[in-house]
Amino acid sequence: ENRLEQNIKQLKSEQFNDAYKDAIE
């Protein structure tokens, strides 16, 4: 649950798959 909340904050409104593909570092 904590990991999921961290992801929600980091991703904001972006979908995970999109953020994963676009991540440079």
PDBML (XML) file of the C-alpha atoms, coordinates in Angstrom:
<?xml version="1.0" encoding="UTF-8" ?>
<PDBx:datablock datablockName="MODEL"
   xmlns:PDBx="http://pdbml.pdb.org/schema/pdbx-v50.xsd"
   xmlns:xsi="http://www.w3.org/2001/XMLSchema-instance"
   xsi:schemaLocation="http://pdbml.pdb.org/schema/pdbx-v50.xsd pdbx-v50.xsd">
   <PDBx:atom_siteCategory>
      <PDBx:atom_site id="1">
         <PDBx:B_iso_or_equiv>0.00</PDBx:B_iso_or_equiv>
         <PDBx:Cartn_x>0.000</PDBx:Cartn_x>
         <PDBx:Cartn_y>0.000</PDBx:Cartn_y>
         <PDBx:Cartn_z>0.000</PDBx:Cartn_z>
         <PDBx:auth_asym_id>A</PDBx:auth_asym_id>
         <PDBx:auth_atom_id>CA</PDBx:auth_atom_id>
         <PDBx:auth_comp_id>GLU</PDBx:auth_comp_id>
         <PDBx:auth_seq_id>1</PDBx:auth_seq_id>
         <PDBx:group_PDB>ATOM</PDBx:group_PDB>
         <PDBx:label_alt_id xsi:nil="true" />
         <PDBx:label_asym_id>A</PDBx:label_asym_id>
         <PDBx:label_atom_id>CA</PDBx:label_atom_id>
         <PDBx:label_comp_id>GLU</PDBx:label_comp_id>
         <PDBx:label_entity_id>1</PDBx:label_entity_id>
         <PDBx:label_seq_id>1</PDBx:label_seq_id>
         <PDBx:occupancy>1.00</PDBx:occupancy>
         <PDBx:pdbx_PDB_model_num>1</PDBx:pdbx_PDB_model_num>
         <PDBx:type_symbol>C</PDBx:type_symbol>
      </PDBx:atom_site>
      <PDBx:atom_site id="2">
         <PDBx:B_iso_or_equiv>0.00</PDBx:B_iso_or_equiv>
         <PDBx:Cartn_x>2.832</PDBx:Cartn_x>
         <PDBx:Cartn_y>2.414</PDBx:Cartn_y>
         <PDBx:Cartn_z>0.843</PDBx:Cartn_z>
         <PDBx:auth_asym_id>A</PDBx:auth_asym_id>
         <PDBx:auth_atom_id>CA</PDBx:auth_atom_id>
         <PDBx:auth_comp_id>ASN</PDBx:auth_comp_id>
         <PDBx:auth_seq_id>2</PDBx:auth_seq_id>
         <PDBx:group_PDB>ATOM</PDBx:group_PDB>
         <PDBx:label_alt_id xsi:nil="true" />
         <PDBx:label_asym_id>A</PDBx:label_asym_id>
         <PDBx:label_atom_id>CA</PDBx:label_atom_id>
         <PDBx:label_comp_id>ASN</PDBx:label_comp_id>
         <PDBx:label_entity_id>1</PDBx:label_entity_id>
         <PDBx:label_seq_id>2</PDBx:label_seq_id>
         <PDBx:occupancy>1.00</PDBx:occupancy>
         <PDBx:pdbx_PDB_model_num>1</PDBx:pdbx_PDB_model_num>
         <PDBx:type_symbol>C</PDBx:type_symbol>
      </PDBx:atom_site>
      <PDBx:atom_site id="3">
         <PDBx:B_iso_or_equiv>0.00</PDBx:B_iso_or_equiv>
         <PDBx:Cartn_x>4.633</PDBx:Cartn_x>
         <PDBx:Cartn_y>1.629</PDBx:Cartn_y>
         <PDBx:Cartn_z>-2.423</PDBx:Cartn_z>
         <PDBx:auth_asym_id>A</PDBx:auth_asym_id>
         <PDBx:auth_atom_id>CA</PDBx:auth_atom_id>
         <PDBx:auth_comp_id>ARG</PDBx:auth_comp_id>
         <PDBx:auth_seq_id>3</PDBx:auth_seq_id>
         <PDBx:group_PDB>ATOM</PDBx:group_PDB>
         <PDBx:label_alt_id xsi:nil="true" />
         <PDBx:label_asym_id>A</PDBx:label_asym_id>
         <PDBx:label_atom_id>CA</PDBx:label_atom_id>
         <PDBx:label_comp_id>ARG</PDBx:label_comp_id>
         <PDBx:label_entity_id>1</PDBx:label_entity_id>
         <PDBx:label_seq_id>3</PDBx:label_seq_id>
         <PDBx:occupancy>1.00</PDBx:occupancy>
         <PDBx:pdbx_PDB_model_num>1</PDBx:pdbx_PDB_model_num>
         <PDBx:type_symbol>C</PDBx:type_symbol>
      </PDBx:atom_site>
      <PDBx:atom_site id="4">
         <PDBx:B_iso_or_equiv>0.00</PDBx:B_iso_or_equiv>
         <PDBx:Cartn_x>1.412</PDBx:Cartn_x>
         <PDBx:Cartn_y>2.200</PDBx:Cartn_y>
         <PDBx:Cartn_z>-4.351</PDBx:Cartn_z>
         <PDBx:auth_asym_id>A</PDBx:auth_asym_id>
         <PDBx:auth_atom_id>CA</PDBx:auth_atom_id>
         <PDBx:auth_comp_id>LEU</PDBx:auth_comp_id>
         <PDBx:auth_seq_id>4</PDBx:auth_seq_id>
         <PDBx:group_PDB>ATOM</PDBx:group_PDB>
         <PDBx:label_alt_id xsi:nil="true" />
         <PDBx:label_asym_id>A</PDBx:label_asym_id>
         <PDBx:label_atom_id>CA</PDBx:label_atom_id>
         <PDBx:label_comp_id>LEU</PDBx:label_comp_id>
         <PDBx:label_entity_id>1</PDBx:label_entity_id>
         <PDBx:label_seq_id>4</PDBx:label_seq_id>
         <PDBx:occupancy>1.00</PDBx:occupancy>
         <PDBx:pdbx_PDB_model_num>1</PDBx:pdbx_PDB_model_num>
         <PDBx:type_symbol>C</PDBx:type_symbol>
      </PDBx:atom_site>
      <PDBx:atom_site id="5">
         <PDBx:B_iso_or_equiv>0.00</PDBx:B_iso_or_equiv>
         <PDBx:Cartn_x>0.849</PDBx:Cartn_x>
         <PDBx:Cartn_y>5.556</PDBx:Cartn_y>
         <PDBx:Cartn_z>-2.654</PDBx:Cartn_z>
         <PDBx:auth_asym_id>A</PDBx:auth_asym_id>
         <PDBx:auth_atom_id>CA</PDBx:auth_atom_id>
         <PDBx:auth_comp_id>GLU</PDBx:auth_comp_id>
         <PDBx:auth_seq_id>5</PDBx:auth_seq_id>
         <PDBx:group_PDB>ATOM</PDBx:group_PDB>
         <PDBx:label_alt_id xsi:nil="true" />
         <PDBx:label_asym_id>A</PDBx:label_asym_id>
         <PDBx:label_atom_id>CA</PDBx:label_atom_id>
         <PDBx:label_comp_id>GLU</PDBx:label_comp_id>
         <PDBx:label_entity_id>1</PDBx:label_entity_id>
         <PDBx:label_seq_id>5</PDBx:label_seq_id>
         <PDBx:occupancy>1.00</PDBx:occupancy>
         <PDBx:pdbx_PDB_model_num>1</PDBx:pdbx_PDB_model_num>
         <PDBx:type_symbol>C</PDBx:type_symbol>
      </PDBx:atom_site>
      <PDBx:atom_site id="6">
         <PDBx:B_iso_or_equiv>0.00</PDBx:B_iso_or_equiv>
         <PDBx:Cartn_x>4.401</PDBx:Cartn_x>
         <PDBx:Cartn_y>6.610</PDBx:Cartn_y>
         <PDBx:Cartn_z>-3.529</PDBx:Cartn_z>
         <PDBx:auth_asym_id>A</PDBx:auth_asym_id>
         <PDBx:auth_atom_id>CA</PDBx:auth_atom_id>
         <PDBx:auth_comp_id>GLN</PDBx:auth_comp_id>
         <PDBx:auth_seq_id>6</PDBx:auth_seq_id>
         <PDBx:group_PDB>ATOM</PDBx:group_PDB>
         <PDBx:label_alt_id xsi:nil="true" />
         <PDBx:label_asym_id>A</PDBx:label_asym_id>
         <PDBx:label_atom_id>CA</PDBx:label_atom_id>
         <PDBx:label_comp_id>GLN</PDBx:label_comp_id>
         <PDBx:label_entity_id>1</PDBx:label_entity_id>
         <PDBx:label_seq_id>6</PDBx:label_seq_id>
         <PDBx:occupancy>1.00</PDBx:occupancy>
         <PDBx:pdbx_PDB_model_num>1</PDBx:pdbx_PDB_model_num>
         <PDBx:type_symbol>C</PDBx:type_symbol>
      </PDBx:atom_site>
      <PDBx:atom_site id="7">
         <PDBx:B_iso_or_equiv>0.00</PDBx:B_iso_or_equiv>
         <PDBx:Cartn_x>3.745</PDBx:Cartn_x>
         <PDBx:Cartn_y>5.708</PDBx:Cartn_y>
         <PDBx:Cartn_z>-7.168</PDBx:Cartn_z>
         <PDBx:auth_asym_id>A</PDBx:auth_asym_id>
         <PDBx:auth_atom_id>CA</PDBx:auth_atom_id>
         <PDBx:auth_comp_id>ASN</PDBx:auth_comp_id>
         <PDBx:auth_seq_id>7</PDBx:auth_seq_id>
         <PDBx:group_PDB>ATOM</PDBx:group_PDB>
         <PDBx:label_alt_id xsi:nil="true" />
         <PDBx:label_asym_id>A</PDBx:label_asym_id>
         <PDBx:label_atom_id>CA</PDBx:label_atom_id>
         <PDBx:label_comp_id>ASN</PDBx:label_comp_id>
         <PDBx:label_entity_id>1</PDBx:label_entity_id>
         <PDBx:label_seq_id>7</PDBx:label_seq_id>
         <PDBx:occupancy>1.00</PDBx:occupancy>
         <PDBx:pdbx_PDB_model_num>1</PDBx:pdbx_PDB_model_num>
         <PDBx:type_symbol>C</PDBx:type_symbol>
      </PDBx:atom_site>
      <PDBx:atom_site id="8">
         <PDBx:B_iso_or_equiv>0.00</PDBx:B_iso_or_equiv>
         <PDBx:Cartn_x>0.498</PDBx:Cartn_x>
         <PDBx:Cartn_y>7.658</PDBx:Cartn_y>
         <PDBx:Cartn_z>-7.215</PDBx:Cartn_z>
         <PDBx:auth_asym_id>A</PDBx:auth_asym_id>
         <PDBx:auth_atom_id>CA</PDBx:auth_atom_id>
         <PDBx:auth_comp_id>ILE</PDBx:auth_comp_id>
         <PDBx:auth_seq_id>8</PDBx:auth_seq_id>
         <PDBx:group_PDB>ATOM</PDBx:group_PDB>
         <PDBx:label_alt_id xsi:nil="true" />
         <PDBx:label_asym_id>A</PDBx:label_asym_id>
         <PDBx:label_atom_id>CA</PDBx:label_atom_id>
         <PDBx:label_comp_id>ILE</PDBx:label_comp_id>
         <PDBx:label_entity_id>1</PDBx:label_entity_id>
         <PDBx:label_seq_id>8</PDBx:label_seq_id>
         <PDBx:occupancy>1.00</PDBx:occupancy>
         <PDBx:pdbx_PDB_model_num>1</PDBx:pdbx_PDB_model_num>
         <PDBx:type_symbol>C</PDBx:type_symbol>
      </PDBx:atom_site>
      <PDBx:atom_site id="9">
         <PDBx:B_iso_or_equiv>0.00</PDBx:B_iso_or_equiv>
         <PDBx:Cartn_x>2.318</PDBx:Cartn_x>
         <PDBx:Cartn_y>10.755</PDBx:Cartn_y>
         <PDBx:Cartn_z>-5.953</PDBx:Cartn_z>
         <PDBx:auth_asym_id>A</PDBx:auth_asym_id>
         <PDBx:auth_atom_id>CA</PDBx:auth_atom_id>
         <PDBx:auth_comp_id>LYS</PDBx:auth_comp_id>
         <PDBx:auth_seq_id>9</PDBx:auth_seq_id>
         <PDBx:group_PDB>ATOM</PDBx:group_PDB>
         <PDBx:label_alt_id xsi:nil="true" />
         <PDBx:label_asym_id>A</PDBx:label_asym_id>
         <PDBx:label_atom_id>CA</PDBx:label_atom_id>
         <PDBx:label_comp_id>LYS</PDBx:label_comp_id>
         <PDBx:label_entity_id>1</PDBx:label_entity_id>
         <PDBx:label_seq_id>9</PDBx:label_seq_id>
         <PDBx:occupancy>1.00</PDBx:occupancy>
         <PDBx:pdbx_PDB_model_num>1</PDBx:pdbx_PDB_model_num>
         <PDBx:type_symbol>C</PDBx:type_symbol>
      </PDBx:atom_site>
      <PDBx:atom_site id="10">
         <PDBx:B_iso_or_equiv>0.00</PDBx:B_iso_or_equiv>
         <PDBx:Cartn_x>5.184</PDBx:Cartn_x>
         <PDBx:Cartn_y>10.321</PDBx:Cartn_y>
         <PDBx:Cartn_z>-8.417</PDBx:Cartn_z>
         <PDBx:auth_asym_id>A</PDBx:auth_asym_id>
         <PDBx:auth_atom_id>CA</PDBx:auth_atom_id>
         <PDBx:auth_comp_id>GLN</PDBx:auth_comp_id>
         <PDBx:auth_seq_id>10</PDBx:auth_seq_id>
         <PDBx:group_PDB>ATOM</PDBx:group_PDB>
         <PDBx:label_alt_id xsi:nil="true" />
         <PDBx:label_asym_id>A</PDBx:label_asym_id>
         <PDBx:label_atom_id>CA</PDBx:label_atom_id>
         <PDBx:label_comp_id>GLN</PDBx:label_comp_id>
         <PDBx:label_entity_id>1</PDBx:label_entity_id>
         <PDBx:label_seq_id>10</PDBx:label_seq_id>
         <PDBx:occupancy>1.00</PDBx:occupancy>
         <PDBx:pdbx_PDB_model_num>1</PDBx:pdbx_PDB_model_num>
         <PDBx:type_symbol>C</PDBx:type_symbol>
      </PDBx:atom_site>
      <PDBx:atom_site id="11">
         <PDBx:B_iso_or_equiv>0.00</PDBx:B_iso_or_equiv>
         <PDBx:Cartn_x>3.014</PDBx:Cartn_x>
         <PDBx:Cartn_y>9.562</PDBx:Cartn_y>
         <PDBx:Cartn_z>-11.442</PDBx:Cartn_z>
         <PDBx:auth_asym_id>A</PDBx:auth_asym_id>
         <PDBx:auth_atom_id>CA</PDBx:auth_atom_id>
         <PDBx:auth_comp_id>LEU</PDBx:auth_comp_id>
         <PDBx:auth_seq_id>11</PDBx:auth_seq_id>
         <PDBx:group_PDB>ATOM</PDBx:group_PDB>
         <PDBx:label_alt_id xsi:nil="true" />
         <PDBx:label_asym_id>A</PDBx:label_asym_id>
         <PDBx:label_atom_id>CA</PDBx:label_atom_id>
         <PDBx:label_comp_id>LEU</PDBx:label_comp_id>
         <PDBx:label_entity_id>1</PDBx:label_entity_id>
         <PDBx:label_seq_id>11</PDBx:label_seq_id>
         <PDBx:occupancy>1.00</PDBx:occupancy>
         <PDBx:pdbx_PDB_model_num>1</PDBx:pdbx_PDB_model_num>
         <PDBx:type_symbol>C</PDBx:type_symbol>
      </PDBx:atom_site>
      <PDBx:atom_site id="12">
         <PDBx:B_iso_or_equiv>0.00</PDBx:B_iso_or_equiv>
         <PDBx:Cartn_x>0.385</PDBx:Cartn_x>
         <PDBx:Cartn_y>12.194</PDBx:Cartn_y>
         <PDBx:Cartn_z>-10.619</PDBx:Cartn_z>
         <PDBx:auth_asym_id>A</PDBx:auth_asym_id>
         <PDBx:auth_atom_id>CA</PDBx:auth_atom_id>
         <PDBx:auth_comp_id>LYS</PDBx:auth_comp_id>
         <PDBx:auth_seq_id>12</PDBx:auth_seq_id>
         <PDBx:group_PDB>ATOM</PDBx:group_PDB>
         <PDBx:label_alt_id xsi:nil="true" />
         <PDBx:label_asym_id>A</PDBx:label_asym_id>
         <PDBx:label_atom_id>CA</PDBx:label_atom_id>
         <PDBx:label_comp_id>LYS</PDBx:label_comp_id>
         <PDBx:label_entity_id>1</PDBx:label_entity_id>
         <PDBx:label_seq_id>12</PDBx:label_seq_id>
         <PDBx:occupancy>1.00</PDBx:occupancy>
         <PDBx:pdbx_PDB_model_num>1</PDBx:pdbx_PDB_model_num>
         <PDBx:type_symbol>C</PDBx:type_symbol>
      </PDBx:atom_site>
      <PDBx:atom_site id="13">
         <PDBx:B_iso_or_equiv>0.00</PDBx:B_iso_or_equiv>
         <PDBx:Cartn_x>-2.218</PDBx:Cartn_x>
         <PDBx:Cartn_y>11.743</PDBx:Cartn_y>
         <PDBx:Cartn_z>-13.349</PDBx:Cartn_z>
         <PDBx:auth_asym_id>A</PDBx:auth_asym_id>
         <PDBx:auth_atom_id>CA</PDBx:auth_atom_id>
         <PDBx:auth_comp_id>SER</PDBx:auth_comp_id>
         <PDBx:auth_seq_id>13</PDBx:auth_seq_id>
         <PDBx:group_PDB>ATOM</PDBx:group_PDB>
         <PDBx:label_alt_id xsi:nil="true" />
         <PDBx:label_asym_id>A</PDBx:label_asym_id>
         <PDBx:label_atom_id>CA</PDBx:label_atom_id>
         <PDBx:label_comp_id>SER</PDBx:label_comp_id>
         <PDBx:label_entity_id>1</PDBx:label_entity_id>
         <PDBx:label_seq_id>13</PDBx:label_seq_id>
         <PDBx:occupancy>1.00</PDBx:occupancy>
         <PDBx:pdbx_PDB_model_num>1</PDBx:pdbx_PDB_model_num>
         <PDBx:type_symbol>C</PDBx:type_symbol>
      </PDBx:atom_site>
      <PDBx:atom_site id="14">
         <PDBx:B_iso_or_equiv>0.00</PDBx:B_iso_or_equiv>
         <PDBx:Cartn_x>0.070</PDBx:Cartn_x>
         <PDBx:Cartn_y>9.823</PDBx:Cartn_y>
         <PDBx:Cartn_z>-15.722</PDBx:Cartn_z>
         <PDBx:auth_asym_id>A</PDBx:auth_asym_id>
         <PDBx:auth_atom_id>CA</PDBx:auth_atom_id>
         <PDBx:auth_comp_id>GLU</PDBx:auth_comp_id>
         <PDBx:auth_seq_id>14</PDBx:auth_seq_id>
         <PDBx:group_PDB>ATOM</PDBx:group_PDB>
         <PDBx:label_alt_id xsi:nil="true" />
         <PDBx:label_asym_id>A</PDBx:label_asym_id>
         <PDBx:label_atom_id>CA</PDBx:label_atom_id>
         <PDBx:label_comp_id>GLU</PDBx:label_comp_id>
         <PDBx:label_entity_id>1</PDBx:label_entity_id>
         <PDBx:label_seq_id>14</PDBx:label_seq_id>
         <PDBx:occupancy>1.00</PDBx:occupancy>
         <PDBx:pdbx_PDB_model_num>1</PDBx:pdbx_PDB_model_num>
         <PDBx:type_symbol>C</PDBx:type_symbol>
      </PDBx:atom_site>
      <PDBx:atom_site id="15">
         <PDBx:B_iso_or_equiv>0.00</PDBx:B_iso_or_equiv>
         <PDBx:Cartn_x>-0.417</PDBx:Cartn_x>
         <PDBx:Cartn_y>6.144</PDBx:Cartn_y>
         <PDBx:Cartn_z>-16.482</PDBx:Cartn_z>
         <PDBx:auth_asym_id>A</PDBx:auth_asym_id>
         <PDBx:auth_atom_id>CA</PDBx:auth_atom_id>
         <PDBx:auth_comp_id>GLN</PDBx:auth_comp_id>
         <PDBx:auth_seq_id>15</PDBx:auth_seq_id>
         <PDBx:group_PDB>ATOM</PDBx:group_PDB>
         <PDBx:label_alt_id xsi:nil="true" />
         <PDBx:label_asym_id>A</PDBx:label_asym_id>
         <PDBx:label_atom_id>CA</PDBx:label_atom_id>
         <PDBx:label_comp_id>GLN</PDBx:label_comp_id>
         <PDBx:label_entity_id>1</PDBx:label_entity_id>
         <PDBx:label_seq_id>15</PDBx:label_seq_id>
         <PDBx:occupancy>1.00</PDBx:occupancy>
         <PDBx:pdbx_PDB_model_num>1</PDBx:pdbx_PDB_model_num>
         <PDBx:type_symbol>C</PDBx:type_symbol>
      </PDBx:atom_site>
      <PDBx:atom_site id="16">
         <PDBx:B_iso_or_equiv>0.00</PDBx:B_iso_or_equiv>
         <PDBx:Cartn_x>2.366</PDBx:Cartn_x>
         <PDBx:Cartn_y>3.854</PDBx:Cartn_y>
         <PDBx:Cartn_z>-15.267</PDBx:Cartn_z>
         <PDBx:auth_asym_id>A</PDBx:auth_asym_id>
         <PDBx:auth_atom_id>CA</PDBx:auth_atom_id>
         <PDBx:auth_comp_id>PHE</PDBx:auth_comp_id>
         <PDBx:auth_seq_id>16</PDBx:auth_seq_id>
         <PDBx:group_PDB>ATOM</PDBx:group_PDB>
         <PDBx:label_alt_id xsi:nil="true" />
         <PDBx:label_asym_id>A</PDBx:label_asym_id>
         <PDBx:label_atom_id>CA</PDBx:label_atom_id>
         <PDBx:label_comp_id>PHE</PDBx:label_comp_id>
         <PDBx:label_entity_id>1</PDBx:label_entity_id>
         <PDBx:label_seq_id>16</PDBx:label_seq_id>
         <PDBx:occupancy>1.00</PDBx:occupancy>
         <PDBx:pdbx_PDB_model_num>1</PDBx:pdbx_PDB_model_num>
         <PDBx:type_symbol>C</PDBx:type_symbol>
      </PDBx:atom_site>
      <PDBx:atom_site id="17">
         <PDBx:B_iso_or_equiv>0.00</PDBx:B_iso_or_equiv>
         <PDBx:Cartn_x>3.105</PDBx:Cartn_x>
         <PDBx:Cartn_y>2.335</PDBx:Cartn_y>
         <PDBx:Cartn_z>-18.696</PDBx:Cartn_z>
         <PDBx:auth_asym_id>A</PDBx:auth_asym_id>
         <PDBx:auth_atom_id>CA</PDBx:auth_atom_id>
         <PDBx:auth_comp_id>ASN</PDBx:auth_comp_id>
         <PDBx:auth_seq_id>17</PDBx:auth_seq_id>
         <PDBx:group_PDB>ATOM</PDBx:group_PDB>
         <PDBx:label_alt_id xsi:nil="true" />
         <PDBx:label_asym_id>A</PDBx:label_asym_id>
         <PDBx:label_atom_id>CA</PDBx:label_atom_id>
         <PDBx:label_comp_id>ASN</PDBx:label_comp_id>
         <PDBx:label_entity_id>1</PDBx:label_entity_id>
         <PDBx:label_seq_id>17</PDBx:label_seq_id>
         <PDBx:occupancy>1.00</PDBx:occupancy>
         <PDBx:pdbx_PDB_model_num>1</PDBx:pdbx_PDB_model_num>
         <PDBx:type_symbol>C</PDBx:type_symbol>
      </PDBx:atom_site>
      <PDBx:atom_site id="18">
         <PDBx:B_iso_or_equiv>0.00</PDBx:B_iso_or_equiv>
         <PDBx:Cartn_x>3.512</PDBx:Cartn_x>
         <PDBx:Cartn_y>5.773</PDBx:Cartn_y>
         <PDBx:Cartn_z>-20.262</PDBx:Cartn_z>
         <PDBx:auth_asym_id>A</PDBx:auth_asym_id>
         <PDBx:auth_atom_id>CA</PDBx:auth_atom_id>
         <PDBx:auth_comp_id>ASP</PDBx:auth_comp_id>
         <PDBx:auth_seq_id>18</PDBx:auth_seq_id>
         <PDBx:group_PDB>ATOM</PDBx:group_PDB>
         <PDBx:label_alt_id xsi:nil="true" />
         <PDBx:label_asym_id>A</PDBx:label_asym_id>
         <PDBx:label_atom_id>CA</PDBx:label_atom_id>
         <PDBx:label_comp_id>ASP</PDBx:label_comp_id>
         <PDBx:label_entity_id>1</PDBx:label_entity_id>
         <PDBx:label_seq_id>18</PDBx:label_seq_id>
         <PDBx:occupancy>1.00</PDBx:occupancy>
         <PDBx:pdbx_PDB_model_num>1</PDBx:pdbx_PDB_model_num>
         <PDBx:type_symbol>C</PDBx:type_symbol>
      </PDBx:atom_site>
      <PDBx:atom_site id="19">
         <PDBx:B_iso_or_equiv>0.00</PDBx:B_iso_or_equiv>
         <PDBx:Cartn_x>5.801</PDBx:Cartn_x>
         <PDBx:Cartn_y>6.987</PDBx:Cartn_y>
         <PDBx:Cartn_z>-17.480</PDBx:Cartn_z>
         <PDBx:auth_asym_id>A</PDBx:auth_asym_id>
         <PDBx:auth_atom_id>CA</PDBx:auth_atom_id>
         <PDBx:auth_comp_id>ALA</PDBx:auth_comp_id>
         <PDBx:auth_seq_id>19</PDBx:auth_seq_id>
         <PDBx:group_PDB>ATOM</PDBx:group_PDB>
         <PDBx:label_alt_id xsi:nil="true" />
         <PDBx:label_asym_id>A</PDBx:label_asym_id>
         <PDBx:label_atom_id>CA</PDBx:label_atom_id>
         <PDBx:label_comp_id>ALA</PDBx:label_comp_id>
         <PDBx:label_entity_id>1</PDBx:label_entity_id>
         <PDBx:label_seq_id>19</PDBx:label_seq_id>
         <PDBx:occupancy>1.00</PDBx:occupancy>
         <PDBx:pdbx_PDB_model_num>1</PDBx:pdbx_PDB_model_num>
         <PDBx:type_symbol>C</PDBx:type_symbol>
      </PDBx:atom_site>
      <PDBx:atom_site id="20">
         <PDBx:B_iso_or_equiv>0.00</PDBx:B_iso_or_equiv>
         <PDBx:Cartn_x>7.846</PDBx:Cartn_x>
         <PDBx:Cartn_y>3.776</PDBx:Cartn_y>
         <PDBx:Cartn_z>-17.668</PDBx:Cartn_z>
         <PDBx:auth_asym_id>A</PDBx:auth_asym_id>
         <PDBx:auth_atom_id>CA</PDBx:auth_atom_id>
         <PDBx:auth_comp_id>TYR</PDBx:auth_comp_id>
         <PDBx:auth_seq_id>20</PDBx:auth_seq_id>
         <PDBx:group_PDB>ATOM</PDBx:group_PDB>
         <PDBx:label_alt_id xsi:nil="true" />
         <PDBx:label_asym_id>A</PDBx:label_asym_id>
         <PDBx:label_atom_id>CA</PDBx:label_atom_id>
         <PDBx:label_comp_id>TYR</PDBx:label_comp_id>
         <PDBx:label_entity_id>1</PDBx:label_entity_id>
         <PDBx:label_seq_id>20</PDBx:label_seq_id>
         <PDBx:occupancy>1.00</PDBx:occupancy>
         <PDBx:pdbx_PDB_model_num>1</PDBx:pdbx_PDB_model_num>
         <PDBx:type_symbol>C</PDBx:type_symbol>
      </PDBx:atom_site>
      <PDBx:atom_site id="21">
         <PDBx:B_iso_or_equiv>0.00</PDBx:B_iso_or_equiv>
         <PDBx:Cartn_x>8.417</PDBx:Cartn_x>
         <PDBx:Cartn_y>4.146</PDBx:Cartn_y>
         <PDBx:Cartn_z>-21.408</PDBx:Cartn_z>
         <PDBx:auth_asym_id>A</PDBx:auth_asym_id>
         <PDBx:auth_atom_id>CA</PDBx:auth_atom_id>
         <PDBx:auth_comp_id>LYS</PDBx:auth_comp_id>
         <PDBx:auth_seq_id>21</PDBx:auth_seq_id>
         <PDBx:group_PDB>ATOM</PDBx:group_PDB>
         <PDBx:label_alt_id xsi:nil="true" />
         <PDBx:label_asym_id>A</PDBx:label_asym_id>
         <PDBx:label_atom_id>CA</PDBx:label_atom_id>
         <PDBx:label_comp_id>LYS</PDBx:label_comp_id>
         <PDBx:label_entity_id>1</PDBx:label_entity_id>
         <PDBx:label_seq_id>21</PDBx:label_seq_id>
         <PDBx:occupancy>1.00</PDBx:occupancy>
         <PDBx:pdbx_PDB_model_num>1</PDBx:pdbx_PDB_model_num>
         <PDBx:type_symbol>C</PDBx:type_symbol>
      </PDBx:atom_site>
      <PDBx:atom_site id="22">
         <PDBx:B_iso_or_equiv>0.00</PDBx:B_iso_or_equiv>
         <PDBx:Cartn_x>9.223</PDBx:Cartn_x>
         <PDBx:Cartn_y>7.863</PDBx:Cartn_y>
         <PDBx:Cartn_z>-21.177</PDBx:Cartn_z>
         <PDBx:auth_asym_id>A</PDBx:auth_asym_id>
         <PDBx:auth_atom_id>CA</PDBx:auth_atom_id>
         <PDBx:auth_comp_id>ASP</PDBx:auth_comp_id>
         <PDBx:auth_seq_id>22</PDBx:auth_seq_id>
         <PDBx:group_PDB>ATOM</PDBx:group_PDB>
         <PDBx:label_alt_id xsi:nil="true" />
         <PDBx:label_asym_id>A</PDBx:label_asym_id>
         <PDBx:label_atom_id>CA</PDBx:label_atom_id>
         <PDBx:label_comp_id>ASP</PDBx:label_comp_id>
         <PDBx:label_entity_id>1</PDBx:label_entity_id>
         <PDBx:label_seq_id>22</PDBx:label_seq_id>
         <PDBx:occupancy>1.00</PDBx:occupancy>
         <PDBx:pdbx_PDB_model_num>1</PDBx:pdbx_PDB_model_num>
         <PDBx:type_symbol>C</PDBx:type_symbol>
      </PDBx:atom_site>
      <PDBx:atom_site id="23">
         <PDBx:B_iso_or_equiv>0.00</PDBx:B_iso_or_equiv>
         <PDBx:Cartn_x>11.628</PDBx:Cartn_x>
         <PDBx:Cartn_y>7.591</PDBx:Cartn_y>
         <PDBx:Cartn_z>-18.207</PDBx:Cartn_z>
         <PDBx:auth_asym_id>A</PDBx:auth_asym_id>
         <PDBx:auth_atom_id>CA</PDBx:auth_atom_id>
         <PDBx:auth_comp_id>ALA</PDBx:auth_comp_id>
         <PDBx:auth_seq_id>23</PDBx:auth_seq_id>
         <PDBx:group_PDB>ATOM</PDBx:group_PDB>
         <PDBx:label_alt_id xsi:nil="true" />
         <PDBx:label_asym_id>A</PDBx:label_asym_id>
         <PDBx:label_atom_id>CA</PDBx:label_atom_id>
         <PDBx:label_comp_id>ALA</PDBx:label_comp_id>
         <PDBx:label_entity_id>1</PDBx:label_entity_id>
         <PDBx:label_seq_id>23</PDBx:label_seq_id>
         <PDBx:occupancy>1.00</PDBx:occupancy>
         <PDBx:pdbx_PDB_model_num>1</PDBx:pdbx_PDB_model_num>
         <PDBx:type_symbol>C</PDBx:type_symbol>
      </PDBx:atom_site>
      <PDBx:atom_site id="24">
         <PDBx:B_iso_or_equiv>0.00</PDBx:B_iso_or_equiv>
         <PDBx:Cartn_x>15.098</PDBx:Cartn_x>
         <PDBx:Cartn_y>8.736</PDBx:Cartn_y>
         <PDBx:Cartn_z>-19.233</PDBx:Cartn_z>
         <PDBx:auth_asym_id>A</PDBx:auth_asym_id>
         <PDBx:auth_atom_id>CA</PDBx:auth_atom_id>
         <PDBx:auth_comp_id>ILE</PDBx:auth_comp_id>
         <PDBx:auth_seq_id>24</PDBx:auth_seq_id>
         <PDBx:group_PDB>ATOM</PDBx:group_PDB>
         <PDBx:label_alt_id xsi:nil="true" />
         <PDBx:label_asym_id>A</PDBx:label_asym_id>
         <PDBx:label_atom_id>CA</PDBx:label_atom_id>
         <PDBx:label_comp_id>ILE</PDBx:label_comp_id>
         <PDBx:label_entity_id>1</PDBx:label_entity_id>
         <PDBx:label_seq_id>24</PDBx:label_seq_id>
         <PDBx:occupancy>1.00</PDBx:occupancy>
         <PDBx:pdbx_PDB_model_num>1</PDBx:pdbx_PDB_model_num>
         <PDBx:type_symbol>C</PDBx:type_symbol>
      </PDBx:atom_site>
      <PDBx:atom_site id="25">
         <PDBx:B_iso_or_equiv>0.00</PDBx:B_iso_or_equiv>
         <PDBx:Cartn_x>17.034</PDBx:Cartn_x>
         <PDBx:Cartn_y>7.926</PDBx:Cartn_y>
         <PDBx:Cartn_z>-16.056</PDBx:Cartn_z>
         <PDBx:auth_asym_id>A</PDBx:auth_asym_id>
         <PDBx:auth_atom_id>CA</PDBx:auth_atom_id>
         <PDBx:auth_comp_id>GLU</PDBx:auth_comp_id>
         <PDBx:auth_seq_id>25</PDBx:auth_seq_id>
         <PDBx:group_PDB>ATOM</PDBx:group_PDB>
         <PDBx:label_alt_id xsi:nil="true" />
         <PDBx:label_asym_id>A</PDBx:label_asym_id>
         <PDBx:label_atom_id>CA</PDBx:label_atom_id>
         <PDBx:label_comp_id>GLU</PDBx:label_comp_id>
         <PDBx:label_entity_id>1</PDBx:label_entity_id>
         <PDBx:label_seq_id>25</PDBx:label_seq_id>
         <PDBx:occupancy>1.00</PDBx:occupancy>
         <PDBx:pdbx_PDB_model_num>1</PDBx:pdbx_PDB_model_num>
         <PDBx:type_symbol>C</PDBx:type_symbol>
      </PDBx:atom_site>
   </PDBx:atom_siteCategory>
</PDBx:datablock>
